Amino acid sequence: MNFLQYTPQFIEGAWVAIWTSTVAFALALVLGALVAVMRESKWRVLRFIGAVYVEVLRNTPVLVQIFMAYFGLASIGLRLPALLAGVLALGVNGGAYLAEIIRAGISAVPAGQLEAARTLRLSPAQIFFSIVLPQAMRTVFPPVINQYVDMILGSSLLSAIAINELTSAARIVNSITYETMAIFAFAMLFYLVLTNLVSFGASVFSRRVFKPSVPATYRFRFRGSRQLRTGGRS
């Protein structure tokens, strides 16, 4: 197993995968929240823009969107560094999925509670932060974490624009050692460890923050948990 001497390259690639997917996820959260509000707006034009954004981004390949951000924008004079283009593409794509997740969480809050809050003359800000947000967070937390896991796995597509993340590192090592099966199995092991760490961290977080705790519905958990892919890629 000569490829094991290249373990530092795999570790560096894993770090790049985590870093890029985390930054993209932060961007996706902001976009998702904004688009979710737009889709619930009383203004038809905002609802239309939000719907177009969601439908286009969710129903076209992520790899094509990455190429659009890197090669497409460069063709019209807007040349972005590969890392920036990749993060933007992943973030914009993830925002479309998170928009629907967040919108579903907000819609799940019983209308009777909102009517009661208005009867008590609570301000819109008080209604949102005291009633809507706490309940919506419980609802959306598991699928949001699953979307983050999807983005970690989706970061492998950034190897197509020469970003040296985990899959790219595996391809480089394979071109040197030609131990193809072992190398890509080793890369899969890295992804498995990363996603399980995220799921474990999310489970610990939910037990400490949510009372009662959110059911363990994160992916890749080994103890009797169900998979939940709400909003994730197929």
C-alpha atoms as a PDB file:
ATOM      1  CA  MET A   1       0.000   0.000   0.000  1.00  0.00           C
ATOM      2  CA  ASN A   2       2.342   2.668  -1.250  1.00  0.00           C
ATOM      3  CA  PHE A   3      -0.486   5.207  -1.309  1.00  0.00           C
ATOM      4  CA  LEU A   4      -0.490   5.412   2.508  1.00  0.00           C
ATOM      5  CA  GLN A   5       2.594   7.586   2.382  1.00  0.00           C
ATOM      6  CA  TYR A   6       0.340  10.207   0.785  1.00  0.00           C
ATOM      7  CA  THR A   7      -2.011  10.328   3.784  1.00  0.00           C
ATOM      8  CA  PRO A   8      -1.093  13.999   4.496  1.00  0.00           C
ATOM      9  CA  GLN A   9      -2.417  14.879   1.037  1.00  0.00           C
ATOM     10  CA  PHE A  10      -5.698  13.131   1.864  1.00  0.00           C
ATOM     11  CA  ILE A  11      -5.924  15.002   5.165  1.00  0.00           C
ATOM     12  CA  GLU A  12      -5.271  18.312   3.435  1.00  0.00           C
ATOM     13  CA  GLY A  13      -7.917  17.464   0.838  1.00  0.00           C
ATOM     14  CA  ALA A  14     -10.401  16.592   3.589  1.00  0.00           C
ATOM     15  CA  TRP A  15      -9.735  19.936   5.247  1.00  0.00           C
ATOM     16  CA  VAL A  16     -10.384  21.754   1.954  1.00  0.00           C
ATOM     17  CA  ALA A  17     -13.634  19.772   1.531  1.00  0.00           C
ATOM     18  CA  ILE A  18     -14.801  20.764   5.024  1.00  0.00           C
ATOM     19  CA  TRP A  19     -13.741  24.394   4.611  1.00  0.00           C
ATOM     20  CA  THR A  20     -15.385  24.900   1.223  1.00  0.00           C
ATOM     21  CA  SER A  21     -18.599  23.107   2.163  1.00  0.00           C
ATOM     22  CA  THR A  22     -18.875  25.043   5.448  1.00  0.00           C
ATOM     23  CA  VAL A  23     -18.458  28.432   3.770  1.00  0.00           C
ATOM     24  CA  ALA A  24     -20.884  27.384   1.023  1.00  0.00           C
ATOM     25  CA  PHE A  25     -23.346  26.183   3.673  1.00  0.00           C
ATOM     26  CA  ALA A  26     -23.218  29.549   5.461  1.00  0.00           C
ATOM     27  CA  LEU A  27     -23.982  31.284   2.162  1.00  0.00           C
ATOM     28  CA  ALA A  28     -26.757  28.777   1.466  1.00  0.00           C
ATOM     29  CA  LEU A  29     -28.373  29.463   4.852  1.00  0.00           C
ATOM     30  CA  VAL A  30     -28.515  33.190   4.156  1.00  0.00           C
ATOM     31  CA  LEU A  31     -29.883  32.686   0.648  1.00  0.00           C
ATOM     32  CA  GLY A  32     -32.293  29.996   1.820  1.00  0.00           C
ATOM     33  CA  ALA A  33     -33.756  32.193   4.560  1.00  0.00           C
ATOM     34  CA  LEU A  34     -34.093  35.130   2.161  1.00  0.00           C
ATOM     35  CA  VAL A  35     -35.765  33.076  -0.570  1.00  0.00           C
ATOM     36  CA  ALA A  36     -38.061  31.366   1.958  1.00  0.00           C
ATOM     37  CA  VAL A  37     -39.302  34.798   3.050  1.00  0.00           C
ATOM     38  CA  MET A  38     -39.694  35.829  -0.591  1.00  0.00           C
ATOM     39  CA  ARG A  39     -41.788  32.740  -1.336  1.00  0.00           C
ATOM     40  CA  GLU A  40     -44.102  33.584   1.567  1.00  0.00           C
ATOM     41  CA  SER A  41     -44.321  37.256   0.615  1.00  0.00           C
ATOM     42  CA  LYS A  42     -47.614  38.946  -0.239  1.00  0.00           C
ATOM     43  CA  TRP A  43     -45.892  40.443  -3.289  1.00  0.00           C
ATOM     44  CA  ARG A  44     -46.419  38.248  -6.348  1.00  0.00           C
ATOM     45  CA  VAL A  45     -43.185  39.356  -8.044  1.00  0.00           C
ATOM     46  CA  LEU A  46     -41.124  38.252  -5.029  1.00  0.00           C
ATOM     47  CA  ARG A  47     -42.914  34.906  -4.917  1.00  0.00           C
ATOM     48  CA  PHE A  48     -42.239  34.467  -8.637  1.00  0.00           C
ATOM     49  CA  ILE A  49     -38.524  35.284  -8.333  1.00  0.00           C
ATOM     50  CA  GLY A  50     -38.177  32.906  -5.387  1.00  0.00           C
ATOM     51  CA  ALA A  51     -40.007  30.118  -7.230  1.00  0.00           C
ATOM     52  CA  VAL A  52     -37.839  30.520 -10.349  1.00  0.00           C
ATOM     53  CA  TYR A  53     -34.661  30.435  -8.245  1.00  0.00           C
ATOM     54  CA  VAL A  54     -35.737  27.236  -6.484  1.00  0.00           C
ATOM     55  CA  GLU A  55     -36.938  25.451  -9.607  1.00  0.00           C
ATOM     56  CA  VAL A  56     -33.909  26.306 -11.745  1.00  0.00           C
ATOM     57  CA  LEU A  57     -31.297  25.447  -9.117  1.00  0.00           C
ATOM     58  CA  ARG A  58     -32.971  22.263  -7.884  1.00  0.00           C
ATOM     59  CA  ASN A  59     -33.674  20.877 -11.342  1.00  0.00           C
ATOM     60  CA  THR A  60     -30.315  21.365 -13.029  1.00  0.00           C
ATOM     61  CA  PRO A  61     -27.075  19.450 -12.297  1.00  0.00           C
ATOM     62  CA  VAL A  62     -24.772  20.913  -9.663  1.00  0.00           C
ATOM     63  CA  LEU A  63     -21.758  20.174 -11.868  1.00  0.00           C
ATOM     64  CA  VAL A  64     -23.219  22.278 -14.676  1.00  0.00           C
ATOM     65  CA  GLN A  65     -23.775  25.117 -12.200  1.00  0.00           C
ATOM     66  CA  ILE A  66     -20.140  24.867 -11.103  1.00  0.00           C
ATOM     67  CA  PHE A  67     -19.035  25.059 -14.743  1.00  0.00           C
ATOM     68  CA  MET A  68     -21.298  28.074 -15.259  1.00  0.00           C
ATOM     69  CA  ALA A  69     -19.729  29.849 -12.289  1.00  0.00           C
ATOM     70  CA  TYR A  70     -16.155  29.081 -13.343  1.00  0.00           C
ATOM     71  CA  PHE A  71     -16.089  28.768 -17.132  1.00  0.00           C
ATOM     72  CA  GLY A  72     -19.329  30.538 -18.039  1.00  0.00           C
ATOM     73  CA  LEU A  73     -18.654  33.744 -16.128  1.00  0.00           C
ATOM     74  CA  ALA A  74     -15.076  33.781 -17.435  1.00  0.00           C
ATOM     75  CA  SER A  75     -16.398  33.679 -21.000  1.00  0.00           C
ATOM     76  CA  ILE A  76     -18.195  37.001 -20.449  1.00  0.00           C
ATOM     77  CA  GLY A  77     -15.229  38.661 -18.775  1.00  0.00           C
ATOM     78  CA  LEU A  78     -15.942  37.866 -15.115  1.00  0.00           C
ATOM     79  CA  ARG A  79     -13.121  35.513 -14.208  1.00  0.00           C
ATOM     80  CA  LEU A  80     -13.381  34.158 -10.673  1.00  0.00           C
ATOM     81  CA  PRO A  81     -10.740  32.097  -8.850  1.00  0.00           C
ATOM     82  CA  ALA A  82     -11.639  28.411  -8.915  1.00  0.00           C
ATOM     83  CA  LEU A  83     -12.157  28.256  -5.145  1.00  0.00           C
ATOM     84  CA  LEU A  84     -14.481  31.263  -5.099  1.00  0.00           C
ATOM     85  CA  ALA A  85     -16.459  30.021  -8.102  1.00  0.00           C
ATOM     86  CA  GLY A  86     -16.847  26.580  -6.546  1.00  0.00           C
ATOM     87  CA  VAL A  87     -17.993  27.902  -3.176  1.00  0.00           C
ATOM     88  CA  LEU A  88     -20.455  30.286  -4.800  1.00  0.00           C
ATOM     89  CA  ALA A  89     -21.900  27.522  -6.983  1.00  0.00           C
ATOM     90  CA  LEU A  90     -22.329  25.141  -4.041  1.00  0.00           C
ATOM     91  CA  GLY A  91     -23.790  27.897  -1.866  1.00  0.00           C
ATOM     92  CA  VAL A  92     -26.274  29.127  -4.457  1.00  0.00           C
ATOM     93  CA  ASN A  93     -27.349  25.561  -5.195  1.00  0.00           C
ATOM     94  CA  GLY A  94     -27.700  24.686  -1.509  1.00  0.00           C
ATOM     95  CA  GLY A  95     -29.735  27.846  -0.937  1.00  0.00           C
ATOM     96  CA  ALA A  96     -32.484  26.506  -3.196  1.00  0.00           C
ATOM     97  CA  TYR A  97     -32.824  23.357  -1.088  1.00  0.00           C
ATOM     98  CA  LEU A  98     -32.617  25.194   2.224  1.00  0.00           C
ATOM     99  CA  ALA A  99     -35.237  27.695   1.070  1.00  0.00           C
ATOM    100  CA  GLU A 100     -37.799  24.918   0.795  1.00  0.00           C
ATOM    101  CA  ILE A 101     -36.700  23.361   4.090  1.00  0.00           C
ATOM    102  CA  ILE A 102     -36.981  26.676   5.936  1.00  0.00           C
ATOM    103  CA  ARG A 103     -40.287  27.522   4.259  1.00  0.00           C
ATOM    104  CA  ALA A 104     -41.699  24.165   5.314  1.00  0.00           C
ATOM    105  CA  GLY A 105     -40.556  24.771   8.893  1.00  0.00           C
ATOM    106  CA  ILE A 106     -42.211  28.176   9.025  1.00  0.00           C
ATOM    107  CA  SER A 107     -45.414  26.824   7.488  1.00  0.00           C
ATOM    108  CA  ALA A 108     -45.517  24.056  10.101  1.00  0.00           C
ATOM    109  CA  VAL A 109     -46.157  26.541  12.913  1.00  0.00           C
ATOM    110  CA  PRO A 110     -49.887  26.262  13.752  1.00  0.00           C
ATOM    111  CA  ALA A 111     -51.898  29.224  12.494  1.00  0.00           C
ATOM    112  CA  GLY A 112     -53.846  29.297  15.771  1.00  0.00           C
ATOM    113  CA  GLN A 113     -50.706  30.259  17.671  1.00  0.00           C
ATOM    114  CA  LEU A 114     -50.081  33.170  15.325  1.00  0.00           C
ATOM    115  CA  GLU A 115     -53.671  34.356  15.684  1.00  0.00           C
ATOM    116  CA  ALA A 116     -53.392  34.139  19.467  1.00  0.00           C
ATOM    117  CA  ALA A 117     -50.172  36.144  19.388  1.00  0.00           C
ATOM    118  CA  ARG A 118     -51.812  38.852  17.299  1.00  0.00           C
ATOM    119  CA  THR A 119     -54.745  38.885  19.721  1.00  0.00           C
ATOM    120  CA  LEU A 120     -52.250  39.559  22.528  1.00  0.00           C
ATOM    121  CA  ARG A 121     -50.967  42.475  20.410  1.00  0.00           C
ATOM    122  CA  LEU A 122     -47.463  41.088  20.055  1.00  0.00           C
ATOM    123  CA  SER A 123     -45.335  42.844  17.453  1.00  0.00           C
ATOM    124  CA  PRO A 124     -44.322  40.994  14.267  1.00  0.00           C
ATOM    125  CA  ALA A 125     -40.755  40.776  15.605  1.00  0.00           C
ATOM    126  CA  GLN A 126     -41.965  39.280  18.904  1.00  0.00           C
ATOM    127  CA  ILE A 127     -44.160  36.790  17.041  1.00  0.00           C
ATOM    128  CA  PHE A 128     -41.286  35.714  14.804  1.00  0.00           C
ATOM    129  CA  PHE A 129     -38.562  35.402  17.430  1.00  0.00           C
ATOM    130  CA  SER A 130     -40.689  34.108  20.310  1.00  0.00           C
ATOM    131  CA  ILE A 131     -43.147  31.819  18.514  1.00  0.00           C
ATOM    132  CA  VAL A 132     -42.204  31.079  14.899  1.00  0.00           C
ATOM    133  CA  LEU A 133     -38.410  30.768  15.100  1.00  0.00           C
ATOM    134  CA  PRO A 134     -38.118  28.379  18.091  1.00  0.00           C
ATOM    135  CA  GLN A 135     -40.651  25.953  16.612  1.00  0.00           C
ATOM    136  CA  ALA A 136     -39.321  26.242  13.069  1.00  0.00           C
ATOM    137  CA  MET A 137     -35.768  25.522  14.258  1.00  0.00           C
ATOM    138  CA  ARG A 138     -36.862  22.246  15.839  1.00  0.00           C
ATOM    139  CA  THR A 139     -38.607  21.246  12.632  1.00  0.00           C
ATOM    140  CA  VAL A 140     -35.857  22.152  10.188  1.00  0.00           C
ATOM    141  CA  PHE A 141     -32.774  21.205  12.201  1.00  0.00           C
ATOM    142  CA  PRO A 142     -32.445  17.550  11.044  1.00  0.00           C
ATOM    143  CA  PRO A 143     -32.973  18.264   7.309  1.00  0.00           C
ATOM    144  CA  VAL A 144     -30.670  21.296   7.507  1.00  0.00           C
ATOM    145  CA  ILE A 145     -27.908  19.114   8.939  1.00  0.00           C
ATOM    146  CA  ASN A 146     -28.550  16.539   6.235  1.00  0.00           C
ATOM    147  CA  GLN A 147     -28.198  19.291   3.648  1.00  0.00           C
ATOM    148  CA  TYR A 148     -24.815  20.183   5.148  1.00  0.00           C
ATOM    149  CA  VAL A 149     -23.797  16.533   4.805  1.00  0.00           C
ATOM    150  CA  ASP A 150     -24.935  16.651   1.173  1.00  0.00           C
ATOM    151  CA  MET A 151     -22.752  19.707   0.605  1.00  0.00           C
ATOM    152  CA  ILE A 152     -19.703  17.954   2.056  1.00  0.00           C
ATOM    153  CA  LEU A 153     -20.283  15.085  -0.356  1.00  0.00           C
ATOM    154  CA  GLY A 154     -21.048  17.522  -3.181  1.00  0.00           C
ATOM    155  CA  SER A 155     -17.707  19.268  -2.648  1.00  0.00           C
ATOM    156  CA  SER A 156     -16.168  16.300  -4.490  1.00  0.00           C
ATOM    157  CA  LEU A 157     -17.480  17.887  -7.698  1.00  0.00           C
ATOM    158  CA  LEU A 158     -15.073  20.775  -7.211  1.00  0.00           C
ATOM    159  CA  SER A 159     -12.291  18.484  -8.358  1.00  0.00           C
ATOM    160  CA  ALA A 160     -13.663  19.134 -11.874  1.00  0.00           C
ATOM    161  CA  ILE A 161     -12.323  22.715 -11.711  1.00  0.00           C
ATOM    162  CA  ALA A 162      -8.978  21.723 -10.186  1.00  0.00           C
ATOM    163  CA  ILE A 163      -9.709  22.511  -6.544  1.00  0.00           C
ATOM    164  CA  ASN A 164      -7.468  20.272  -4.467  1.00  0.00           C
ATOM    165  CA  GLU A 165     -10.121  18.788  -2.196  1.00  0.00           C
ATOM    166  CA  LEU A 166     -10.368  15.154  -1.096  1.00  0.00           C
ATOM    167  CA  THR A 167     -11.470  13.590  -4.392  1.00  0.00           C
ATOM    168  CA  SER A 168      -8.902  15.606  -6.302  1.00  0.00           C
ATOM    169  CA  ALA A 169      -6.198  14.433  -3.897  1.00  0.00           C
ATOM    170  CA  ALA A 170      -7.289  10.823  -4.498  1.00  0.00           C
ATOM    171  CA  ARG A 171      -7.086  11.323  -8.268  1.00  0.00           C
ATOM    172  CA  ILE A 172      -3.587  12.791  -8.002  1.00  0.00           C
ATOM    173  CA  VAL A 173      -2.341   9.956  -5.792  1.00  0.00           C
ATOM    174  CA  ASN A 174      -3.944   7.433  -8.143  1.00  0.00           C
ATOM    175  CA  SER A 175      -2.049   8.934 -11.085  1.00  0.00           C
ATOM    176  CA  ILE A 176       1.187   8.310  -9.162  1.00  0.00           C
ATOM    177  CA  THR A 177       0.624   4.880  -7.605  1.00  0.00           C
ATOM    178  CA  TYR A 178      -2.133   3.316  -9.790  1.00  0.00           C
ATOM    179  CA  GLU A 179      -3.597   1.592  -6.707  1.00  0.00           C
ATOM    180  CA  THR A 180      -7.035   2.675  -7.838  1.00  0.00           C
ATOM    181  CA  MET A 181      -9.335   0.484  -5.743  1.00  0.00           C
ATOM    182  CA  ALA A 182      -7.446   1.039  -2.493  1.00  0.00           C
ATOM    183  CA  ILE A 183      -7.024   4.769  -3.054  1.00  0.00           C
ATOM    184  CA  PHE A 184     -10.665   5.555  -3.726  1.00  0.00           C
ATOM    185  CA  ALA A 185     -11.785   3.231  -0.941  1.00  0.00           C
ATOM    186  CA  PHE A 186      -9.482   5.231   1.341  1.00  0.00           C
ATOM    187  CA  ALA A 187     -11.107   8.466   0.113  1.00  0.00           C
ATOM    188  CA  MET A 188     -14.561   6.993   0.769  1.00  0.00           C
ATOM    189  CA  LEU A 189     -13.458   6.201   4.307  1.00  0.00           C
ATOM    190  CA  PHE A 190     -12.503   9.848   4.810  1.00  0.00           C
ATOM    191  CA  TYR A 191     -15.916  10.999   3.597  1.00  0.00           C
ATOM    192  CA  LEU A 192     -17.623   8.459   5.865  1.00  0.00           C
ATOM    193  CA  VAL A 193     -15.694   9.696   8.888  1.00  0.00           C
ATOM    194  CA  LEU A 194     -16.410  13.346   8.087  1.00  0.00           C
ATOM    195  CA  THR A 195     -20.142  12.850   7.636  1.00  0.00           C
ATOM    196  CA  ASN A 196     -20.442  10.732  10.765  1.00  0.00           C
ATOM    197  CA  LEU A 197     -18.615  13.374  12.783  1.00  0.00           C
ATOM    198  CA  VAL A 198     -21.071  15.997  11.535  1.00  0.00           C
ATOM    199  CA  SER A 199     -24.043  13.776  12.401  1.00  0.00           C
ATOM    200  CA  PHE A 200     -22.650  13.016  15.856  1.00  0.00           C
ATOM    201  CA  GLY A 201     -21.963  16.698  16.532  1.00  0.00           C
ATOM    202  CA  ALA A 202     -25.473  17.621  15.410  1.00  0.00           C
ATOM    203  CA  SER A 203     -26.961  14.965  17.696  1.00  0.00           C
ATOM    204  CA  VAL A 204     -25.019  16.279  20.701  1.00  0.00           C
ATOM    205  CA  PHE A 205     -25.981  19.861  19.848  1.00  0.00           C
ATOM    206  CA  SER A 206     -29.685  19.036  19.529  1.00  0.00           C
ATOM    207  CA  ARG A 207     -29.731  17.218  22.883  1.00  0.00           C
ATOM    208  CA  ARG A 208     -28.209  20.226  24.612  1.00  0.00           C
ATOM    209  CA  VAL A 209     -30.203  22.961  22.877  1.00  0.00           C
ATOM    210  CA  PHE A 210     -33.664  21.544  22.195  1.00  0.00           C
ATOM    211  CA  LYS A 211     -35.878  20.569  25.136  1.00  0.00           C
ATOM    212  CA  PRO A 212     -37.231  17.984  24.538  1.00  0.00           C
ATOM    213  CA  SER A 213     -34.498  16.932  22.166  1.00  0.00           C
ATOM    214  CA  VAL A 214     -35.033  16.569  18.431  1.00  0.00           C
ATOM    215  CA  PRO A 215     -35.343  12.894  17.351  1.00  0.00           C
ATOM    216  CA  ALA A 216     -32.092  11.467  15.941  1.00  0.00           C
ATOM    217  CA  THR A 217     -32.932  11.498  12.244  1.00  0.00           C
ATOM    218  CA  TYR A 218     -29.533  12.377  10.835  1.00  0.00           C
ATOM    219  CA  ARG A 219     -27.984  10.266   8.132  1.00  0.00           C
ATOM    220  CA  PHE A 220     -25.170   7.788   8.630  1.00  0.00           C
ATOM    221  CA  ARG A 221     -25.938   7.103  12.276  1.00  0.00           C
ATOM    222  CA  PHE A 222     -25.501   3.484  13.285  1.00  0.00           C
ATOM    223  CA  ARG A 223     -27.823   3.189  16.260  1.00  0.00           C
ATOM    224  CA  GLY A 224     -31.408   2.792  15.179  1.00  0.00           C
ATOM    225  CA  SER A 225     -31.860   6.155  13.528  1.00  0.00           C
ATOM    226  CA  ARG A 226     -33.880   6.661  10.398  1.00  0.00           C
ATOM    227  CA  GLN A 227     -32.607   8.502   7.370  1.00  0.00           C
ATOM    228  CA  LEU A 228     -34.127  11.862   6.630  1.00  0.00           C
ATOM    229  CA  ARG A 229     -33.347  13.440   3.270  1.00  0.00           C
ATOM    230  CA  THR A 230     -35.866  16.263   3.241  1.00  0.00           C
ATOM    231  CA  GLY A 231     -34.581  18.805   0.769  1.00  0.00           C
ATOM    232  CA  GLY A 232     -31.476  16.755  -0.092  1.00  0.00           C
ATOM    233  CA  ARG A 233     -30.283  15.697  -3.504  1.00  0.00           C
ATOM    234  CA  SER A 234     -31.343  12.392  -4.922  1.00  0.00           C
END
